[in-house]
Amino acid sequence: MNTELRGLRACLPIVLCFAATGCFLGACGAEDLLADDTFTMLYNSDTFQMCKGCHAPGATGVRAGVEATQDWSTRDRAFSTLQGNASGLIGNFAGCNGVPLVGNTPETSLLVAAFDEDIRLGFSLSAHPNCTPEAISDMTADVGQLSATELSLLKQFVNEEASGQ
């Protein structure tokens, strides 16, 4: 078999994957391809759909002190804005401004700490000593406990982001 034909055969599964997801080269960012399945399932979950109520332009739940960088109005905006650091937090929560929303591990991710009490209670970043367990908002008080599946997807998403998968 000649080299060109082998190259085309090797690319066929990738092209079929793009076609099946509606994502073609140039139409999707690399981050979308890397975390598409996990983050899309997380974003589409019942609990994370509630995030739009406070974390989107013009959301009815926006109030002073709501984390200002997140935008859950669309899947792509949510994914993109989670790549940044927390901002806009006031009062008791201000110590977490500047903390990565998605850290290198679930244990260093502010997003995970907001939903997982065990991680929240053990949260400690030397670069952000004022982001203590008491300064991290317990989002389960607003949206309820995550299901085991949602919590697993959240941690999987963080791990995939950290490893560049």
N, C-alpha and C. Protein backbone atom coordinates (compact mmCIF):
# COMPACT_ATOMS: atom_id res chain seq x y z
N MET A 1 0.86 -1.17 0.00
CA MET A 1 0.00 0.00 0.00
C MET A 1 0.90 1.23 0.00
N ASN A 2 0.58 2.21 -0.86
CA ASN A 2 1.45 3.37 -0.91
C ASN A 2 1.24 4.27 0.31
N THR A 3 2.20 5.16 0.53
CA THR A 3 2.21 6.01 1.72
C THR A 3 1.01 6.94 1.75
N GLU A 4 0.61 7.51 0.63
CA GLU A 4 -0.53 8.44 0.61
C GLU A 4 -1.81 7.73 1.02
N LEU A 5 -2.03 6.53 0.53
CA LEU A 5 -3.24 5.79 0.87
C LEU A 5 -3.26 5.43 2.35
N ARG A 6 -2.10 5.03 2.89
CA ARG A 6 -2.02 4.76 4.33
C ARG A 6 -2.35 6.00 5.14
N GLY A 7 -1.85 7.16 4.72
CA GLY A 7 -2.13 8.42 5.41
C GLY A 7 -3.61 8.75 5.39
N LEU A 8 -4.26 8.54 4.25
CA LEU A 8 -5.69 8.79 4.15
C LEU A 8 -6.48 7.84 5.04
N ARG A 9 -6.11 6.58 5.07
CA ARG A 9 -6.78 5.60 5.92
C ARG A 9 -6.64 5.97 7.40
N ALA A 10 -5.48 6.46 7.79
CA ALA A 10 -5.24 6.84 9.17
C ALA A 10 -6.10 8.04 9.57
N CYS A 11 -6.39 8.92 8.62
CA CYS A 11 -7.18 10.12 8.92
C CYS A 11 -8.68 9.85 8.91
N LEU A 12 -9.13 8.78 8.28
CA LEU A 12 -10.56 8.52 8.15
C LEU A 12 -11.30 8.50 9.48
N PRO A 13 -10.81 7.81 10.52
CA PRO A 13 -11.54 7.84 11.79
C PRO A 13 -11.67 9.25 12.38
N ILE A 14 -10.65 10.07 12.20
CA ILE A 14 -10.70 11.44 12.72
C ILE A 14 -11.74 12.25 11.96
N VAL A 15 -11.75 12.13 10.65
CA VAL A 15 -12.73 12.86 9.83
C VAL A 15 -14.14 12.41 10.19
N LEU A 16 -14.35 11.11 10.36
CA LEU A 16 -15.67 10.61 10.72
C LEU A 16 -16.10 11.13 12.08
N CYS A 17 -15.17 11.22 13.00
CA CYS A 17 -15.46 11.77 14.33
C CYS A 17 -15.90 13.22 14.22
N PHE A 18 -15.16 14.02 13.44
CA PHE A 18 -15.53 15.43 13.25
C PHE A 18 -16.92 15.53 12.62
N ALA A 19 -17.17 14.71 11.62
CA ALA A 19 -18.46 14.76 10.94
C ALA A 19 -19.59 14.38 11.88
N ALA A 20 -19.37 13.38 12.72
CA ALA A 20 -20.41 12.93 13.64
C ALA A 20 -20.73 13.98 14.69
N THR A 21 -19.75 14.77 15.08
CA THR A 21 -19.99 15.79 16.12
C THR A 21 -20.31 17.14 15.51
N GLY A 22 -20.29 17.24 14.19
CA GLY A 22 -20.55 18.52 13.56
C GLY A 22 -19.38 19.48 13.69
N CYS A 23 -18.22 18.97 13.98
CA CYS A 23 -17.04 19.80 14.22
C CYS A 23 -16.02 19.51 13.12
N PHE A 24 -15.77 20.49 12.30
CA PHE A 24 -14.82 20.32 11.22
C PHE A 24 -13.58 21.17 11.49
N LEU A 25 -12.47 20.78 10.92
CA LEU A 25 -11.23 21.53 11.11
C LEU A 25 -11.48 23.01 10.84
N GLY A 26 -11.04 23.83 11.75
CA GLY A 26 -11.24 25.27 11.60
C GLY A 26 -12.52 25.76 12.24
N ALA A 27 -13.51 24.88 12.39
CA ALA A 27 -14.78 25.30 12.97
C ALA A 27 -14.81 25.12 14.48
N CYS A 28 -13.94 24.30 15.00
CA CYS A 28 -13.90 24.06 16.44
C CYS A 28 -12.50 24.37 16.95
N GLY A 29 -12.43 24.94 18.13
CA GLY A 29 -11.14 25.19 18.74
C GLY A 29 -10.56 23.90 19.28
N ALA A 30 -9.27 23.87 19.48
CA ALA A 30 -8.63 22.67 20.01
C ALA A 30 -9.20 22.30 21.37
N GLU A 31 -9.51 23.31 22.21
CA GLU A 31 -10.05 23.00 23.53
C GLU A 31 -11.39 22.29 23.41
N ASP A 32 -12.18 22.63 22.40
CA ASP A 32 -13.46 21.96 22.21
C ASP A 32 -13.27 20.49 21.90
N LEU A 33 -12.27 20.18 21.09
CA LEU A 33 -12.04 18.80 20.72
C LEU A 33 -11.51 17.99 21.90
N LEU A 34 -10.72 18.63 22.75
CA LEU A 34 -10.09 17.92 23.85
C LEU A 34 -11.06 17.57 24.96
N ALA A 35 -11.94 18.47 25.31
CA ALA A 35 -12.81 18.25 26.46
C ALA A 35 -14.27 18.19 26.06
N ASP A 36 -14.55 17.97 24.80
CA ASP A 36 -15.91 18.05 24.31
C ASP A 36 -16.85 17.11 25.05
N ASP A 37 -16.55 15.84 25.08
CA ASP A 37 -17.49 14.89 25.66
C ASP A 37 -17.74 15.16 27.14
N THR A 38 -16.70 15.26 27.92
CA THR A 38 -16.85 15.45 29.36
C THR A 38 -17.51 16.79 29.67
N PHE A 39 -16.98 17.88 29.12
CA PHE A 39 -17.54 19.18 29.46
C PHE A 39 -18.95 19.34 28.92
N THR A 40 -19.22 18.84 27.73
CA THR A 40 -20.57 18.96 27.18
C THR A 40 -21.58 18.22 28.06
N MET A 41 -21.22 17.04 28.53
CA MET A 41 -22.13 16.31 29.42
C MET A 41 -22.32 17.09 30.72
N LEU A 42 -21.25 17.65 31.25
CA LEU A 42 -21.33 18.44 32.47
C LEU A 42 -22.20 19.68 32.25
N TYR A 43 -21.93 20.40 31.19
CA TYR A 43 -22.68 21.63 30.89
C TYR A 43 -24.18 21.32 30.71
N ASN A 44 -24.48 20.22 30.08
CA ASN A 44 -25.88 19.88 29.81
C ASN A 44 -26.60 19.26 31.00
N SER A 45 -25.89 18.98 32.09
CA SER A 45 -26.53 18.38 33.25
C SER A 45 -27.52 19.37 33.87
N ASP A 46 -28.52 18.83 34.53
CA ASP A 46 -29.56 19.67 35.15
C ASP A 46 -28.97 20.71 36.09
N THR A 47 -28.04 20.29 36.93
CA THR A 47 -27.47 21.22 37.91
C THR A 47 -26.70 22.34 37.23
N PHE A 48 -25.83 22.01 36.29
CA PHE A 48 -25.01 23.04 35.67
C PHE A 48 -25.80 23.92 34.72
N GLN A 49 -26.95 23.50 34.27
CA GLN A 49 -27.82 24.38 33.50
C GLN A 49 -28.33 25.53 34.38
N MET A 50 -28.39 25.30 35.70
CA MET A 50 -28.82 26.36 36.62
C MET A 50 -27.80 27.48 36.72
N CYS A 51 -26.56 27.24 36.33
CA CYS A 51 -25.51 28.26 36.44
C CYS A 51 -25.85 29.50 35.61
N LYS A 52 -26.60 29.30 34.54
CA LYS A 52 -26.99 30.42 33.67
C LYS A 52 -27.81 31.47 34.42
N GLY A 53 -28.48 31.04 35.48
CA GLY A 53 -29.34 31.95 36.22
C GLY A 53 -28.58 33.09 36.87
N CYS A 54 -27.29 32.89 37.15
CA CYS A 54 -26.46 33.94 37.76
C CYS A 54 -25.24 34.29 36.92
N HIS A 55 -24.75 33.34 36.14
CA HIS A 55 -23.49 33.51 35.42
C HIS A 55 -23.73 33.61 33.92
N ALA A 56 -24.37 34.70 33.51
CA ALA A 56 -24.61 34.99 32.10
C ALA A 56 -24.99 36.46 31.98
N PRO A 57 -24.67 37.07 30.86
CA PRO A 57 -25.06 38.47 30.68
C PRO A 57 -26.58 38.63 30.84
N GLY A 58 -26.96 39.57 31.68
CA GLY A 58 -28.38 39.85 31.88
C GLY A 58 -29.13 38.81 32.71
N ALA A 59 -28.42 37.88 33.32
CA ALA A 59 -29.08 36.83 34.12
C ALA A 59 -29.85 37.45 35.28
N THR A 60 -30.97 36.87 35.60
CA THR A 60 -31.82 37.42 36.66
C THR A 60 -31.20 37.27 38.04
N GLY A 61 -30.31 36.32 38.23
CA GLY A 61 -29.70 36.10 39.54
C GLY A 61 -28.42 36.86 39.79
N VAL A 62 -27.98 37.67 38.83
CA VAL A 62 -26.75 38.42 39.01
C VAL A 62 -26.95 39.46 40.11
N ARG A 63 -26.01 39.50 41.03
CA ARG A 63 -26.05 40.48 42.12
C ARG A 63 -24.61 40.80 42.49
N ALA A 64 -24.42 41.80 43.29
CA ALA A 64 -23.07 42.18 43.72
C ALA A 64 -22.42 40.98 44.40
N GLY A 65 -21.19 40.71 44.02
CA GLY A 65 -20.45 39.62 44.63
C GLY A 65 -20.50 38.31 43.89
N VAL A 66 -21.36 38.20 42.85
CA VAL A 66 -21.37 36.98 42.04
C VAL A 66 -20.09 36.97 41.21
N GLU A 67 -19.43 35.83 41.16
CA GLU A 67 -18.20 35.70 40.39
C GLU A 67 -18.45 36.29 39.00
N ALA A 68 -17.57 37.21 38.59
CA ALA A 68 -17.83 38.04 37.42
C ALA A 68 -17.30 37.52 36.10
N THR A 69 -16.40 36.55 36.09
CA THR A 69 -15.80 36.15 34.82
C THR A 69 -16.55 35.01 34.14
N GLN A 70 -17.32 34.25 34.87
CA GLN A 70 -18.01 33.11 34.27
C GLN A 70 -19.21 33.56 33.45
N ASP A 71 -19.40 32.90 32.32
CA ASP A 71 -20.55 33.15 31.45
C ASP A 71 -21.04 31.78 30.97
N TRP A 72 -22.13 31.32 31.55
CA TRP A 72 -22.68 30.01 31.22
C TRP A 72 -23.82 30.11 30.21
N SER A 73 -23.89 31.20 29.46
CA SER A 73 -24.98 31.37 28.50
C SER A 73 -24.93 30.34 27.38
N THR A 74 -23.75 29.90 27.01
CA THR A 74 -23.60 28.82 26.02
C THR A 74 -22.50 27.89 26.50
N ARG A 75 -22.46 26.73 25.94
CA ARG A 75 -21.44 25.74 26.30
C ARG A 75 -20.04 26.30 26.02
N ASP A 76 -19.86 26.90 24.85
CA ASP A 76 -18.55 27.41 24.47
C ASP A 76 -18.11 28.57 25.35
N ARG A 77 -19.04 29.46 25.71
CA ARG A 77 -18.69 30.57 26.60
C ARG A 77 -18.34 30.04 27.99
N ALA A 78 -19.09 29.08 28.47
CA ALA A 78 -18.78 28.50 29.79
C ALA A 78 -17.39 27.87 29.77
N PHE A 79 -17.11 27.09 28.77
CA PHE A 79 -15.81 26.44 28.66
C PHE A 79 -14.70 27.49 28.65
N SER A 80 -14.85 28.49 27.82
CA SER A 80 -13.84 29.53 27.67
C SER A 80 -13.63 30.31 28.96
N THR A 81 -14.70 30.72 29.60
CA THR A 81 -14.55 31.56 30.80
C THR A 81 -14.04 30.78 31.99
N LEU A 82 -14.20 29.47 32.00
CA LEU A 82 -13.65 28.67 33.09
C LEU A 82 -12.13 28.57 33.03
N GLN A 83 -11.55 29.01 31.95
CA GLN A 83 -10.09 28.97 31.81
C GLN A 83 -9.43 30.10 32.58
N GLY A 84 -10.22 31.02 33.13
CA GLY A 84 -9.67 32.18 33.82
C GLY A 84 -9.67 32.03 35.33
N ASN A 85 -9.51 33.16 35.98
CA ASN A 85 -9.46 33.23 37.44
C ASN A 85 -10.70 33.95 37.97
N ALA A 86 -11.04 33.64 39.18
CA ALA A 86 -12.21 34.25 39.82
C ALA A 86 -12.00 35.75 39.98
N SER A 87 -13.10 36.49 39.83
CA SER A 87 -13.05 37.94 40.07
C SER A 87 -14.45 38.41 40.48
N GLY A 88 -14.48 39.60 41.02
CA GLY A 88 -15.76 40.20 41.39
C GLY A 88 -16.32 39.74 42.72
N LEU A 89 -15.60 38.87 43.41
CA LEU A 89 -16.09 38.37 44.69
C LEU A 89 -15.88 39.45 45.75
N ILE A 90 -16.84 39.60 46.64
CA ILE A 90 -16.76 40.65 47.66
C ILE A 90 -16.97 40.04 49.04
N GLY A 91 -16.74 40.86 50.04
CA GLY A 91 -16.97 40.44 51.42
C GLY A 91 -16.13 39.24 51.81
N ASN A 92 -16.75 38.28 52.48
CA ASN A 92 -16.05 37.09 52.95
C ASN A 92 -15.40 36.29 51.82
N PHE A 93 -15.91 36.45 50.60
CA PHE A 93 -15.45 35.64 49.47
C PHE A 93 -14.31 36.30 48.70
N ALA A 94 -13.99 37.56 49.00
CA ALA A 94 -13.00 38.33 48.23
C ALA A 94 -11.62 37.68 48.23
N GLY A 95 -11.29 36.90 49.22
CA GLY A 95 -9.99 36.25 49.28
C GLY A 95 -9.75 35.26 48.15
N CYS A 96 -10.81 34.90 47.44
CA CYS A 96 -10.66 33.94 46.34
C CYS A 96 -10.55 34.62 44.97
N ASN A 97 -10.57 35.94 44.93
CA ASN A 97 -10.33 36.63 43.67
C ASN A 97 -8.93 36.29 43.18
N GLY A 98 -8.80 35.98 41.91
CA GLY A 98 -7.50 35.63 41.32
C GLY A 98 -7.19 34.14 41.33
N VAL A 99 -8.03 33.36 42.00
CA VAL A 99 -7.82 31.91 42.06
C VAL A 99 -8.32 31.26 40.77
N PRO A 100 -7.56 30.33 40.21
CA PRO A 100 -8.02 29.64 39.00
C PRO A 100 -9.35 28.91 39.25
N LEU A 101 -10.28 29.13 38.34
CA LEU A 101 -11.56 28.42 38.44
C LEU A 101 -11.34 26.93 38.21
N VAL A 102 -10.48 26.62 37.25
CA VAL A 102 -10.09 25.23 36.98
C VAL A 102 -8.59 25.15 37.21
N GLY A 103 -8.19 24.51 38.28
CA GLY A 103 -6.79 24.39 38.63
C GLY A 103 -6.14 23.18 38.00
N ASN A 104 -4.97 22.83 38.50
CA ASN A 104 -4.23 21.68 37.97
C ASN A 104 -4.78 20.35 38.44
N THR A 105 -5.56 20.38 39.50
CA THR A 105 -6.20 19.18 40.04
C THR A 105 -7.57 19.58 40.56
N PRO A 106 -8.45 18.62 40.80
CA PRO A 106 -9.71 18.98 41.43
C PRO A 106 -9.51 19.67 42.78
N GLU A 107 -8.47 19.27 43.51
CA GLU A 107 -8.21 19.84 44.83
C GLU A 107 -7.75 21.28 44.78
N THR A 108 -7.30 21.76 43.62
CA THR A 108 -6.85 23.14 43.48
C THR A 108 -7.76 23.95 42.57
N SER A 109 -8.94 23.45 42.31
CA SER A 109 -9.92 24.12 41.44
C SER A 109 -11.02 24.75 42.27
N LEU A 110 -11.15 26.05 42.14
CA LEU A 110 -12.19 26.76 42.88
C LEU A 110 -13.57 26.25 42.49
N LEU A 111 -13.76 25.93 41.23
CA LEU A 111 -15.06 25.41 40.77
C LEU A 111 -15.41 24.12 41.51
N VAL A 112 -14.48 23.21 41.63
CA VAL A 112 -14.75 21.95 42.32
C VAL A 112 -15.00 22.22 43.80
N ALA A 113 -14.18 23.07 44.40
CA ALA A 113 -14.34 23.37 45.83
C ALA A 113 -15.71 23.94 46.14
N ALA A 114 -16.29 24.68 45.21
CA ALA A 114 -17.61 25.27 45.42
C ALA A 114 -18.71 24.21 45.48
N PHE A 115 -18.44 23.03 44.94
CA PHE A 115 -19.45 21.97 44.90
C PHE A 115 -19.12 20.74 45.73
N ASP A 116 -17.88 20.62 46.18
CA ASP A 116 -17.47 19.43 46.91
C ASP A 116 -16.96 19.86 48.30
N GLU A 117 -17.71 19.53 49.32
CA GLU A 117 -17.37 19.96 50.68
C GLU A 117 -16.00 19.47 51.13
N ASP A 118 -15.66 18.23 50.81
CA ASP A 118 -14.36 17.69 51.22
C ASP A 118 -13.21 18.50 50.62
N ILE A 119 -13.34 18.83 49.34
CA ILE A 119 -12.29 19.62 48.68
C ILE A 119 -12.29 21.04 49.24
N ARG A 120 -13.47 21.59 49.47
CA ARG A 120 -13.56 22.94 50.04
C ARG A 120 -12.88 23.00 51.40
N LEU A 121 -13.13 22.02 52.25
CA LEU A 121 -12.56 22.02 53.60
C LEU A 121 -11.05 21.86 53.60
N GLY A 122 -10.50 21.23 52.57
CA GLY A 122 -9.06 21.04 52.49
C GLY A 122 -8.37 22.02 51.55
N PHE A 123 -9.12 22.98 51.01
CA PHE A 123 -8.59 23.89 49.99
C PHE A 123 -7.52 24.80 50.57
N SER A 124 -6.36 24.82 49.92
CA SER A 124 -5.27 25.67 50.37
C SER A 124 -4.31 25.87 49.21
N LEU A 125 -4.13 27.12 48.81
CA LEU A 125 -3.18 27.46 47.75
C LEU A 125 -2.20 28.47 48.31
N SER A 126 -0.93 28.16 48.28
CA SER A 126 0.07 29.07 48.86
C SER A 126 0.06 30.44 48.16
N ALA A 127 -0.24 30.46 46.87
CA ALA A 127 -0.29 31.72 46.14
C ALA A 127 -1.52 32.56 46.50
N HIS A 128 -2.49 31.94 47.15
CA HIS A 128 -3.74 32.63 47.51
C HIS A 128 -4.13 32.25 48.94
N PRO A 129 -3.35 32.68 49.93
CA PRO A 129 -3.59 32.26 51.31
C PRO A 129 -4.92 32.74 51.88
N ASN A 130 -5.53 33.76 51.28
CA ASN A 130 -6.81 34.26 51.79
C ASN A 130 -8.02 33.51 51.21
N CYS A 131 -7.77 32.60 50.29
CA CYS A 131 -8.86 31.78 49.76
C CYS A 131 -8.95 30.53 50.64
N THR A 132 -9.57 30.72 51.77
CA THR A 132 -9.72 29.67 52.77
C THR A 132 -11.04 28.94 52.57
N PRO A 133 -11.24 27.82 53.22
CA PRO A 133 -12.54 27.13 53.10
C PRO A 133 -13.73 28.04 53.42
N GLU A 134 -13.54 28.96 54.35
CA GLU A 134 -14.63 29.87 54.72
C GLU A 134 -14.89 30.92 53.63
N ALA A 135 -13.91 31.17 52.77
CA ALA A 135 -14.06 32.17 51.72
C ALA A 135 -14.62 31.59 50.43
N ILE A 136 -14.81 30.29 50.38
CA ILE A 136 -15.31 29.64 49.17
C ILE A 136 -16.81 29.44 49.31
N SER A 137 -17.53 29.96 48.35
CA SER A 137 -18.98 29.84 48.37
C SER A 137 -19.41 28.38 48.22
N ASP A 138 -20.34 27.96 49.03
CA ASP A 138 -20.91 26.62 48.93
C ASP A 138 -22.06 26.68 47.93
N MET A 139 -21.77 26.36 46.69
CA MET A 139 -22.78 26.47 45.63
C MET A 139 -23.89 25.44 45.78
N THR A 140 -23.67 24.41 46.58
CA THR A 140 -24.75 23.44 46.78
C THR A 140 -25.91 24.07 47.54
N ALA A 141 -25.64 25.14 48.27
CA ALA A 141 -26.72 25.86 48.96
C ALA A 141 -27.63 26.55 47.94
N ASP A 142 -27.09 26.91 46.77
CA ASP A 142 -27.88 27.56 45.73
C ASP A 142 -28.52 26.59 44.75
N VAL A 143 -27.78 25.56 44.35
CA VAL A 143 -28.28 24.67 43.29
C VAL A 143 -28.50 23.23 43.75
N GLY A 144 -28.16 22.93 44.97
CA GLY A 144 -28.31 21.56 45.47
C GLY A 144 -27.05 20.75 45.27
N GLN A 145 -27.06 19.58 45.88
CA GLN A 145 -25.91 18.67 45.79
C GLN A 145 -25.76 18.18 44.35
N LEU A 146 -24.52 18.03 43.93
CA LEU A 146 -24.27 17.41 42.64
C LEU A 146 -24.55 15.92 42.75
N SER A 147 -25.05 15.35 41.69
CA SER A 147 -25.19 13.90 41.66
C SER A 147 -23.79 13.30 41.60
N ALA A 148 -23.67 12.04 41.90
CA ALA A 148 -22.36 11.37 41.82
C ALA A 148 -21.80 11.48 40.40
N THR A 149 -22.67 11.40 39.41
CA THR A 149 -22.23 11.50 38.02
C THR A 149 -21.72 12.90 37.72
N GLU A 150 -22.44 13.93 38.18
CA GLU A 150 -22.01 15.30 37.92
C GLU A 150 -20.67 15.59 38.60
N LEU A 151 -20.52 15.16 39.84
CA LEU A 151 -19.26 15.39 40.55
C LEU A 151 -18.11 14.66 39.86
N SER A 152 -18.36 13.45 39.42
CA SER A 152 -17.34 12.69 38.70
C SER A 152 -16.97 13.38 37.40
N LEU A 153 -17.96 13.87 36.65
CA LEU A 153 -17.69 14.58 35.40
C LEU A 153 -16.89 15.85 35.66
N LEU A 154 -17.23 16.57 36.73
CA LEU A 154 -16.52 17.80 37.05
C LEU A 154 -15.04 17.51 37.33
N LYS A 155 -14.78 16.52 38.13
CA LYS A 155 -13.39 16.17 38.44
C LYS A 155 -12.67 15.62 37.21
N GLN A 156 -13.37 14.85 36.40
CA GLN A 156 -12.77 14.33 35.17
C GLN A 156 -12.41 15.48 34.24
N PHE A 157 -13.31 16.46 34.12
CA PHE A 157 -13.05 17.62 33.27
C PHE A 157 -11.78 18.34 33.73
N VAL A 158 -11.65 18.59 35.02
CA VAL A 158 -10.46 19.27 35.56
C VAL A 158 -9.21 18.45 35.24
N ASN A 159 -9.26 17.16 35.48
CA ASN A 159 -8.11 16.30 35.20
C ASN A 159 -7.75 16.30 33.72
N GLU A 160 -8.74 16.29 32.85
CA GLU A 160 -8.47 16.34 31.41
C GLU A 160 -7.84 17.67 31.02
N GLU A 161 -8.33 18.75 31.58
CA GLU A 161 -7.76 20.06 31.28
C GLU A 161 -6.30 20.12 31.73
N ALA A 162 -6.03 19.61 32.91
CA ALA A 162 -4.67 19.66 33.45
C ALA A 162 -3.70 18.81 32.63
N SER A 163 -4.20 17.71 32.10
CA SER A 163 -3.32 16.82 31.35
C SER A 163 -3.29 17.16 29.85
N GLY A 164 -4.12 18.11 29.44
CA GLY A 164 -4.16 18.48 28.03
C GLY A 164 -4.85 17.47 27.15
N GLN A 165 -5.69 16.62 27.74
CA GLN A 165 -6.38 15.61 26.92
C GLN A 165 -7.44 16.24 26.06
